[in-house]
Amino acid sequence: MKFALALFAVGSLSAQDLLRSGRDNWTRSAATKNDENIVVTNNPKIVKPFTGKFNELWRQRAKPRTTNR
């Protein structure tokens, strides 16, 4: 599963925080030649669940990995 998002936080969760979510490439070509889609919002009811999921994924990936060698 691809979870494409960017969170722009201005401190603790506030109406100034932004969520950018969608399926697009961050290139000039994507902006000028491709059919891409994104959603940008500062609605806390939408931003907060994405922030929670991002933090959950970050914690999972930040755990030290152990190897059995």
C-alpha atoms as a PDB file:
ATOM      1  CA  MET A   1       0.000   0.000   0.000  1.00  0.00           C
ATOM      2  CA  LYS A   2       1.291   3.439  -0.843  1.00  0.00           C
ATOM      3  CA  PHE A   3       0.525   6.143   1.694  1.00  0.00           C
ATOM      4  CA  ALA A   4       1.434   9.409  -0.014  1.00  0.00           C
ATOM      5  CA  LEU A   5       1.114  12.472   2.149  1.00  0.00           C
ATOM      6  CA  ALA A   6       2.927  15.509   3.445  1.00  0.00           C
ATOM      7  CA  LEU A   7       2.140  17.201   6.734  1.00  0.00           C
ATOM      8  CA  PHE A   8       3.149  20.808   7.255  1.00  0.00           C
ATOM      9  CA  ALA A   9       2.922  21.472  10.984  1.00  0.00           C
ATOM     10  CA  VAL A  10       3.119  24.904  12.520  1.00  0.00           C
ATOM     11  CA  GLY A  11       3.397  23.659  16.104  1.00  0.00           C
ATOM     12  CA  SER A  12       0.825  21.612  17.937  1.00  0.00           C
ATOM     13  CA  LEU A  13      -2.114  20.659  15.733  1.00  0.00           C
ATOM     14  CA  SER A  14      -3.885  23.848  14.757  1.00  0.00           C
ATOM     15  CA  ALA A  15      -5.914  25.305  11.910  1.00  0.00           C
ATOM     16  CA  GLN A  16      -2.600  26.453  10.413  1.00  0.00           C
ATOM     17  CA  ASP A  17      -1.393  22.867   9.898  1.00  0.00           C
ATOM     18  CA  LEU A  18      -1.745  21.562   6.356  1.00  0.00           C
ATOM     19  CA  LEU A  19      -2.225  18.133   4.894  1.00  0.00           C
ATOM     20  CA  ARG A  20      -1.276  17.420   1.305  1.00  0.00           C
ATOM     21  CA  SER A  21      -2.436  14.031   0.122  1.00  0.00           C
ATOM     22  CA  GLY A  22      -2.795  12.479  -3.279  1.00  0.00           C
ATOM     23  CA  ARG A  23      -1.221  10.479  -6.035  1.00  0.00           C
ATOM     24  CA  ASP A  24       1.199  12.668  -7.912  1.00  0.00           C
ATOM     25  CA  ASN A  25       4.868  13.269  -8.542  1.00  0.00           C
ATOM     26  CA  TRP A  26       6.577  16.383  -7.263  1.00  0.00           C
ATOM     27  CA  THR A  27       8.168  17.278 -10.568  1.00  0.00           C
ATOM     28  CA  ARG A  28       7.734  20.065 -13.084  1.00  0.00           C
ATOM     29  CA  SER A  29       6.660  17.532 -15.698  1.00  0.00           C
ATOM     30  CA  ALA A  30       3.945  16.194 -13.403  1.00  0.00           C
ATOM     31  CA  ALA A  31       2.643  19.710 -12.829  1.00  0.00           C
ATOM     32  CA  THR A  32       2.585  20.676 -16.487  1.00  0.00           C
ATOM     33  CA  LYS A  33       2.046  17.471 -18.497  1.00  0.00           C
ATOM     34  CA  ASN A  34       0.451  14.749 -16.358  1.00  0.00           C
ATOM     35  CA  ASP A  35      -3.029  14.221 -14.966  1.00  0.00           C
ATOM     36  CA  GLU A  36      -2.297  14.234 -11.239  1.00  0.00           C
ATOM     37  CA  ASN A  37      -4.522  14.623  -8.183  1.00  0.00           C
ATOM     38  CA  ILE A  38      -3.937  16.109  -4.747  1.00  0.00           C
ATOM     39  CA  VAL A  39      -5.989  17.431  -1.868  1.00  0.00           C
ATOM     40  CA  VAL A  40      -4.710  20.197   0.387  1.00  0.00           C
ATOM     41  CA  THR A  41      -6.615  21.041   3.549  1.00  0.00           C
ATOM     42  CA  ASN A  42      -6.174  22.640   6.947  1.00  0.00           C
ATOM     43  CA  ASN A  43      -9.399  21.163   8.366  1.00  0.00           C
ATOM     44  CA  PRO A  44      -8.384  19.677  11.754  1.00  0.00           C
ATOM     45  CA  LYS A  45     -11.040  16.934  11.435  1.00  0.00           C
ATOM     46  CA  ILE A  46      -9.160  15.678   8.374  1.00  0.00           C
ATOM     47  CA  VAL A  47      -5.578  16.597   9.324  1.00  0.00           C
ATOM     48  CA  LYS A  48      -5.673  14.965  12.779  1.00  0.00           C
ATOM     49  CA  PRO A  49      -6.344  11.342  11.641  1.00  0.00           C
ATOM     50  CA  PHE A  50      -3.603  11.599   9.007  1.00  0.00           C
ATOM     51  CA  THR A  51      -1.207  12.968  11.621  1.00  0.00           C
ATOM     52  CA  GLY A  52      -2.055  10.060  13.924  1.00  0.00           C
ATOM     53  CA  LYS A  53      -1.472   7.493  11.167  1.00  0.00           C
ATOM     54  CA  PHE A  54       1.795   9.157  10.148  1.00  0.00           C
ATOM     55  CA  ASN A  55       3.049   9.091  13.759  1.00  0.00           C
ATOM     56  CA  GLU A  56       2.047   5.430  14.104  1.00  0.00           C
ATOM     57  CA  LEU A  57       3.951   4.483  10.940  1.00  0.00           C
ATOM     58  CA  TRP A  58       6.951   6.574  12.020  1.00  0.00           C
ATOM     59  CA  ARG A  59       7.117   4.804  15.398  1.00  0.00           C
ATOM     60  CA  GLN A  60       6.891   1.385  13.715  1.00  0.00           C
ATOM     61  CA  ARG A  61       9.747   2.201  11.356  1.00  0.00           C
ATOM     62  CA  ALA A  62      11.869   3.830  14.067  1.00  0.00           C
ATOM     63  CA  LYS A  63      12.051   0.673  16.196  1.00  0.00           C
ATOM     64  CA  PRO A  64      15.529  -0.851  16.246  1.00  0.00           C
ATOM     65  CA  ARG A  65      15.754  -3.852  13.996  1.00  0.00           C
ATOM     66  CA  THR A  66      17.225  -7.057  15.284  1.00  0.00           C
ATOM     67  CA  THR A  67      18.835  -9.626  13.062  1.00  0.00           C
ATOM     68  CA  ASN A  68      19.377 -13.289  13.700  1.00  0.00           C
ATOM     69  CA  ARG A  69      22.782 -14.114  12.305  1.00  0.00           C
END
